[in-house]
Protein backbone atom coordinates (compact mmCIF):
# COMPACT_ATOMS: atom_id res chain seq x y z
CA UNK A 1 9.94 -6.48 16.67
CA UNK A 2 9.61 -5.91 13.13
CA UNK A 3 7.61 -2.75 12.58
CA UNK A 4 5.94 -4.55 9.72
CA UNK A 5 4.84 -7.64 11.37
CA UNK A 6 1.29 -6.56 11.00
CA UNK A 7 -0.67 -8.68 8.72
CA UNK A 8 -0.24 -6.52 5.45
CA UNK A 9 -0.98 -7.61 1.83
CA UNK A 10 1.60 -5.59 -0.02
CA UNK A 11 2.00 -4.93 -3.84
CA UNK A 12 5.13 -3.59 -5.07
CA UNK A 13 5.22 -1.27 -8.04
CA UNK A 14 8.41 -0.82 -9.88
CA UNK A 15 8.23 2.94 -11.25
CA UNK A 16 11.91 3.87 -11.38
CA UNK A 17 12.50 3.11 -15.34
CA UNK A 18 13.34 5.80 -17.68
CA UNK A 19 10.73 5.34 -20.65
CA UNK A 20 13.61 5.56 -23.25
CA UNK A 21 11.42 3.89 -26.07
CA UNK A 22 8.34 5.65 -24.94
CA UNK A 23 9.98 9.35 -24.89
CA UNK A 24 8.54 10.63 -21.64
CA UNK A 25 8.22 9.18 -17.89
CA UNK A 26 5.62 6.78 -18.96
CA UNK A 27 4.57 6.19 -15.31
CA UNK A 28 2.82 9.62 -14.82
CA UNK A 29 1.36 10.00 -18.29
CA UNK A 30 -2.51 10.79 -17.55
CA UNK A 31 -4.43 7.89 -19.33
CA UNK A 32 -7.43 7.22 -17.28
CA UNK A 33 -10.63 9.14 -18.24
CA UNK A 34 -10.23 11.60 -15.08
CA UNK A 35 -6.26 11.83 -16.01
CA UNK A 36 -5.31 9.01 -13.71
CA UNK A 37 -1.86 7.22 -14.33
CA UNK A 38 -1.69 3.59 -15.30
CA UNK A 39 -0.45 2.38 -12.04
CA UNK A 40 -3.61 4.01 -10.13
CA UNK A 41 -5.67 1.39 -11.64
CA UNK A 42 -3.44 -1.73 -10.50
CA UNK A 43 -3.63 0.01 -7.31
CA UNK A 44 -7.39 0.13 -7.71
CA UNK A 45 -7.59 -3.58 -8.59
CA UNK A 46 -5.10 -4.56 -5.66
CA UNK A 47 -7.38 -2.74 -2.76
CA UNK A 48 -10.59 -4.52 -4.14
CA UNK A 49 -9.00 -7.90 -3.55
CA UNK A 50 -7.87 -7.10 0.26
CA UNK A 51 -4.24 -5.42 -0.53
CA UNK A 52 -3.65 -2.92 1.86
CA UNK A 53 0.17 -2.06 1.58
CA UNK A 54 1.47 -0.13 -1.18
CA UNK A 55 5.22 0.19 -2.06
CA UNK A 56 6.24 2.06 -4.69
CA UNK A 57 10.00 1.84 -6.26
CA UNK A 58 10.80 5.38 -7.84
CA UNK A 59 13.65 7.96 -8.38
CA UNK A 60 14.78 10.62 -6.07
CA UNK A 61 13.38 13.26 -8.27
CA UNK A 62 9.72 11.69 -8.08
CA UNK A 63 9.55 10.55 -4.59
CA UNK A 64 8.08 13.88 -2.83
CA UNK A 65 5.62 14.11 -5.93
CA UNK A 66 4.13 10.59 -5.52
CA UNK A 67 3.88 10.28 -1.92
CA UNK A 68 1.54 13.78 -1.81
CA UNK A 69 -0.12 12.49 -5.08
CA UNK A 70 -0.98 9.22 -3.84
CA UNK A 71 -1.62 10.39 0.03
CA UNK A 72 -4.43 12.36 -1.34
CA UNK A 73 -6.10 9.60 -3.25
CA UNK A 74 -5.62 6.55 -1.29
CA UNK A 75 -7.85 5.41 1.62
CA UNK A 76 -6.35 6.30 5.03
CA UNK A 77 -6.21 2.74 6.18
CA UNK A 78 -4.00 1.93 3.26
CA UNK A 79 0.00 2.42 4.28
CA UNK A 80 1.94 3.55 1.74
CA UNK A 81 5.98 3.67 1.37
CA UNK A 82 7.50 5.40 -1.69
CA UNK A 83 11.20 4.26 -1.96
CA UNK A 84 14.18 5.66 -3.94
CA UNK A 85 16.08 3.14 -6.02
CA UNK A 86 19.69 4.28 -5.02
CA UNK A 87 22.83 3.32 -7.19
CA UNK A 88 24.69 3.46 -3.80
CA UNK A 89 22.24 1.14 -2.16
CA UNK A 90 24.60 -1.99 -2.06
CA UNK A 91 25.32 -4.97 0.08
CA UNK A 92 27.59 -3.66 3.43
CA UNK A 93 30.29 -5.86 2.59
CA UNK A 94 31.11 -4.46 -0.72
CA UNK A 95 33.13 -1.42 -1.41
CA UNK A 96 32.50 0.18 -4.53
CA UNK A 97 34.03 3.27 -6.62
CA UNK A 98 31.93 3.77 -9.81
CA UNK A 99 30.74 6.78 -11.81
CA UNK A 100 27.95 4.40 -13.09
CA UNK A 101 24.43 6.54 -13.38
CA UNK A 102 22.18 3.39 -14.66
CA UNK A 103 19.81 1.76 -12.19
CA UNK A 104 21.06 -1.81 -11.13
CA UNK A 105 18.00 -3.45 -12.68
CA UNK A 106 14.61 -4.68 -11.53
CA UNK A 107 15.99 -7.39 -8.97
CA UNK A 108 17.85 -4.18 -7.31
CA UNK A 109 14.47 -2.24 -7.50
CA UNK A 110 12.70 -4.98 -5.59
CA UNK A 111 15.53 -5.51 -3.09
CA UNK A 112 15.06 -1.45 -2.26
CA UNK A 113 12.11 -2.53 -0.22
CA UNK A 114 13.50 -5.02 2.03
CA UNK A 115 13.18 -2.99 5.42
CA UNK A 116 9.28 -2.20 4.66
CA UNK A 117 7.87 -5.74 3.59
CA UNK A 118 7.48 -8.87 5.48
CA UNK A 119 5.41 -12.11 4.44
CA UNK A 120 4.11 -12.44 1.07
CA UNK A 121 3.82 -9.91 -1.43
CA UNK A 122 3.20 -8.89 -5.31
CA UNK A 123 5.53 -7.62 -7.78
CA UNK A 124 4.36 -5.88 -10.87
CA UNK A 125 5.60 -3.05 -13.31
CA UNK A 126 3.96 0.55 -12.68
CA UNK A 127 3.60 1.27 -16.50
CA UNK A 128 1.73 -1.96 -17.25
CA UNK A 129 -2.38 -2.88 -16.81
CA UNK A 130 -2.66 -6.23 -15.61
CA UNK A 131 -6.59 -6.57 -15.35
CA UNK A 132 -8.68 -7.33 -12.45
CA UNK A 133 -8.68 -11.28 -12.49
CA UNK A 134 -4.72 -11.20 -12.07
CA UNK A 135 -5.02 -9.49 -8.70
CA UNK A 136 -8.04 -12.07 -7.46
CA UNK A 137 -5.76 -14.70 -8.58
CA UNK A 138 -2.75 -13.40 -6.50
CA UNK A 139 -4.96 -12.66 -3.61
CA UNK A 140 -5.97 -16.26 -3.69
CA UNK A 141 -2.43 -17.80 -4.04
CA UNK A 142 -1.45 -15.59 -1.12
CA UNK A 143 -4.39 -16.62 1.19
CA UNK A 144 -4.07 -20.59 0.11
CA UNK A 145 -0.38 -20.21 0.46
CA UNK A 146 1.45 -22.29 3.51
CA UNK A 147 4.94 -22.70 2.36
CA UNK A 148 7.92 -19.96 2.08
CA UNK A 149 9.18 -21.96 -0.61
CA UNK A 150 6.08 -21.28 -2.83
CA UNK A 151 6.37 -18.23 -5.13
CA UNK A 152 4.07 -17.72 -8.23
CA UNK A 153 4.01 -15.95 -11.28
CA UNK A 154 0.86 -14.87 -13.26
CA UNK A 155 1.10 -15.47 -16.65
CA UNK A 156 -0.04 -14.05 -20.24
CA UNK A 157 -0.46 -15.42 -23.81
CA UNK A 158 2.18 -13.81 -26.25
CA UNK A 159 -0.22 -13.28 -28.77
CA UNK A 160 -2.14 -10.68 -26.50
CA UNK A 161 1.03 -8.76 -25.31
CA UNK A 162 2.72 -7.55 -28.67
CA UNK A 163 2.59 -3.92 -29.86
CA UNK A 164 1.77 -2.56 -33.27
CA UNK A 165 4.35 -0.27 -33.15
CA UNK A 166 7.61 -2.01 -32.65
CA UNK A 167 9.63 -4.95 -31.24
CA UNK A 168 8.93 -5.71 -27.52
CA UNK A 169 11.00 -7.92 -24.93
CA UNK A 170 9.12 -11.01 -23.27
CA UNK A 171 9.99 -13.73 -20.95
CA UNK A 172 9.13 -16.96 -22.34
CA UNK A 173 8.30 -19.55 -20.18
CA UNK A 174 8.49 -23.39 -19.99
CA UNK A 175 5.77 -24.96 -17.81
CA UNK A 176 5.16 -28.44 -16.39
CA UNK A 177 1.94 -29.22 -14.57
CA UNK A 178 1.42 -25.45 -13.65
CA UNK A 179 5.06 -25.30 -12.40
CA UNK A 180 7.54 -22.71 -13.95
CA UNK A 181 10.40 -24.55 -15.36
CA UNK A 182 12.44 -21.96 -17.01
CA UNK A 183 12.18 -18.11 -18.50
CA UNK A 184 14.22 -17.50 -21.64
CA UNK A 185 14.10 -13.90 -22.33
CA UNK A 186 13.48 -13.10 -26.17
CA UNK A 187 14.48 -9.21 -26.60
CA UNK A 188 12.99 -8.58 -29.82
CA UNK A 189 9.63 -10.31 -30.77
CA UNK A 190 7.59 -9.07 -33.38
CA UNK A 191 4.55 -9.98 -35.64
CA UNK A 192 5.74 -10.53 -39.16
CA UNK A 193 4.19 -12.26 -41.85
CA UNK A 194 1.32 -13.39 -40.04
CA UNK A 195 3.94 -15.28 -37.58
CA UNK A 196 5.50 -14.09 -34.16
CA UNK A 197 9.10 -13.86 -34.63
CA UNK A 198 12.02 -13.22 -32.27
CA UNK A 199 13.81 -11.50 -34.69
CA UNK A 200 17.37 -11.81 -32.53
CA UNK A 201 17.26 -15.90 -33.07
CA UNK A 202 15.12 -16.00 -35.94
CA UNK A 203 12.85 -18.11 -33.90
CA UNK A 204 8.87 -18.54 -34.57
CA UNK A 205 6.89 -18.39 -31.50
CA UNK A 206 3.58 -20.06 -30.47
CA UNK A 207 1.12 -17.10 -30.05
CA UNK A 208 -0.47 -18.77 -27.01
CA UNK A 209 2.78 -19.18 -25.39
CA UNK A 210 2.88 -17.98 -21.66
CA UNK A 211 5.19 -15.19 -20.86
CA UNK A 212 5.95 -13.29 -18.01
CA UNK A 213 4.89 -9.69 -17.71
CA UNK A 214 6.78 -9.22 -14.15
CA UNK A 215 3.71 -9.84 -12.43
CA UNK A 216 5.49 -12.12 -9.51
CA UNK A 217 4.39 -13.49 -6.21
CA UNK A 218 7.00 -13.67 -3.57
CA UNK A 219 7.98 -13.76 0.16
CA UNK A 220 10.46 -11.60 1.96
CA UNK A 221 12.95 -14.72 1.59
CA UNK A 222 13.81 -13.42 -1.81
CA UNK A 223 15.35 -10.15 -0.51
CA UNK A 224 18.44 -12.28 1.28
CA UNK A 225 19.13 -14.10 -2.37
CA UNK A 226 19.04 -10.92 -4.02
CA UNK A 227 21.51 -9.63 -1.74
CA UNK A 228 23.99 -12.80 -2.40
CA UNK A 229 23.19 -12.77 -6.05
CA UNK A 230 24.02 -8.83 -6.04
CA UNK A 231 27.23 -9.36 -4.21
CA UNK A 232 28.28 -11.87 -6.41
CA UNK A 233 27.22 -9.83 -9.48
CA UNK A 234 29.44 -6.67 -8.06
CA UNK A 235 32.40 -8.71 -7.63
CA UNK A 236 32.68 -8.93 -11.38
CA UNK A 237 34.45 -5.96 -12.61
CA UNK A 238 32.68 -6.47 -16.36
CA UNK A 239 29.23 -5.84 -14.44
CA UNK A 240 29.90 -2.35 -13.02
CA UNK A 241 29.40 -0.44 -16.03
CA UNK A 242 26.05 -1.09 -17.41
CA UNK A 243 24.92 -4.31 -16.72
CA UNK A 244 22.00 -5.04 -14.80
CA UNK A 245 20.46 -7.62 -12.16
CA UNK A 246 16.78 -8.54 -13.47
CA UNK A 247 14.09 -10.56 -11.36
CA UNK A 248 13.60 -13.38 -13.74
CA UNK A 249 17.38 -14.38 -13.48
CA UNK A 250 17.05 -14.33 -10.15
CA UNK A 251 13.99 -16.24 -9.50
CA UNK A 252 15.30 -18.83 -12.21
CA UNK A 253 18.51 -19.48 -10.15
CA UNK A 254 16.43 -19.77 -7.09
CA UNK A 255 14.47 -22.39 -8.67
CA UNK A 256 17.55 -24.19 -10.40
CA UNK A 257 19.03 -24.36 -6.64
CA UNK A 258 15.88 -25.98 -4.96
CA UNK A 259 15.10 -22.71 -2.99
CA UNK A 260 11.43 -22.28 -4.44
CA UNK A 261 9.17 -23.48 -6.78
CA UNK A 262 6.91 -21.36 -8.82
CA UNK A 263 3.12 -21.85 -9.84
CA UNK A 264 2.04 -20.25 -12.80
CA UNK A 265 -1.49 -18.94 -12.66
CA UNK A 266 -3.11 -18.00 -15.94
CA UNK A 267 -4.27 -14.54 -15.88
CA UNK A 268 -7.52 -14.55 -17.87
CA UNK A 269 -7.41 -11.05 -17.91
CA UNK A 270 -6.50 -8.06 -20.32
CA UNK A 271 -3.04 -6.83 -20.35
CA UNK A 272 -1.69 -3.68 -21.78
CA UNK A 273 1.44 -1.68 -21.96
CA UNK A 274 2.95 1.72 -23.11
CA UNK A 275 6.36 0.57 -24.65
CA UNK A 276 6.02 3.19 -27.35
CA UNK A 277 4.37 6.43 -27.15
CA UNK A 278 1.65 5.48 -29.95
CA UNK A 279 0.66 2.63 -27.53
CA UNK A 280 -0.87 5.52 -25.56
CA UNK A 281 -4.10 5.99 -27.81
CA UNK A 282 -4.83 2.28 -27.39
CA UNK A 283 -4.35 2.46 -23.57
CA UNK A 284 -6.48 5.52 -23.29
CA UNK A 285 -9.28 3.58 -25.58
CA UNK A 286 -9.23 0.56 -23.36
CA UNK A 287 -9.36 2.31 -19.98
CA UNK A 288 -12.45 4.34 -21.38
CA UNK A 289 -14.15 1.33 -22.43
CA UNK A 290 -13.45 -0.34 -19.26
CA UNK A 291 -14.76 2.59 -17.27
CA UNK A 292 -17.95 2.84 -19.70
CA UNK A 293 -18.50 -0.80 -18.85
CA UNK A 294 -18.38 0.03 -15.23
CA UNK A 295 -15.41 -1.80 -14.22
CA UNK A 296 -13.82 1.29 -12.70
CA UNK A 297 -15.59 4.62 -11.40
CA UNK A 298 -14.74 7.94 -12.80
CA UNK A 299 -12.95 9.66 -11.16
CA UNK A 300 -11.32 6.43 -10.02
CA UNK A 301 -11.05 7.58 -6.37
CA UNK A 302 -14.30 8.83 -5.27
């Protein structure tokens, strides 16, 4: 019997990034009123919505620290798995000789959790704040979802996901009858002359366009698909040095091949992130205001 067949509601947080534009490991920056990490607010929001299994994907250097740090804060009934995204973790049938140091990407980060998750689960970035309503919507979707082929994406308005301090990369969603049809990655979006522009393509974007901020609701069928996708990827030599496998590309291919449908759930809550170090001030102020209004206790874990 699979050891994780207990009825868990699982939140997977991707925390293996390097924070190159931020200048430090932003996942572990103390942004909350009592010096909490941003991911702790997402975990708190998930627990309020009956999630009871937290999975963190991180680097080897951070595993022991995160296990200790979170174990001391989370309620005892919440299961915690801290896993390492390892470059050497590849499909068994692949033999690889590479000096690569860069991780294989977000889809590989998710695949890291294939042995500890069963059923439906939520995927988010550890260094983004998604808002309490986003987790409420996700919990309702999981409760009502009766099909393993139904995934979901929590979307945000483009206008509310920009940074004052530089360009951002966003997945622009094409939606029809609340179903996701496609995601196009626009990698250099900024506000310029009262318009929102993708500088790479020159396209002017509608401020109310729905975008993906990597808040996915999946089930464990995605692990087998990522494995086959990853296997094909590794058989192309030019991918081996720096290319990555991204979660939106995998879900897009799953949709195109008829394996899944993806319902789009409007977040109806505030999103903010810390792409650049100057975003930190806004994040600290926003978390302070939310705490002052009573959305969170301080300290967060009491």
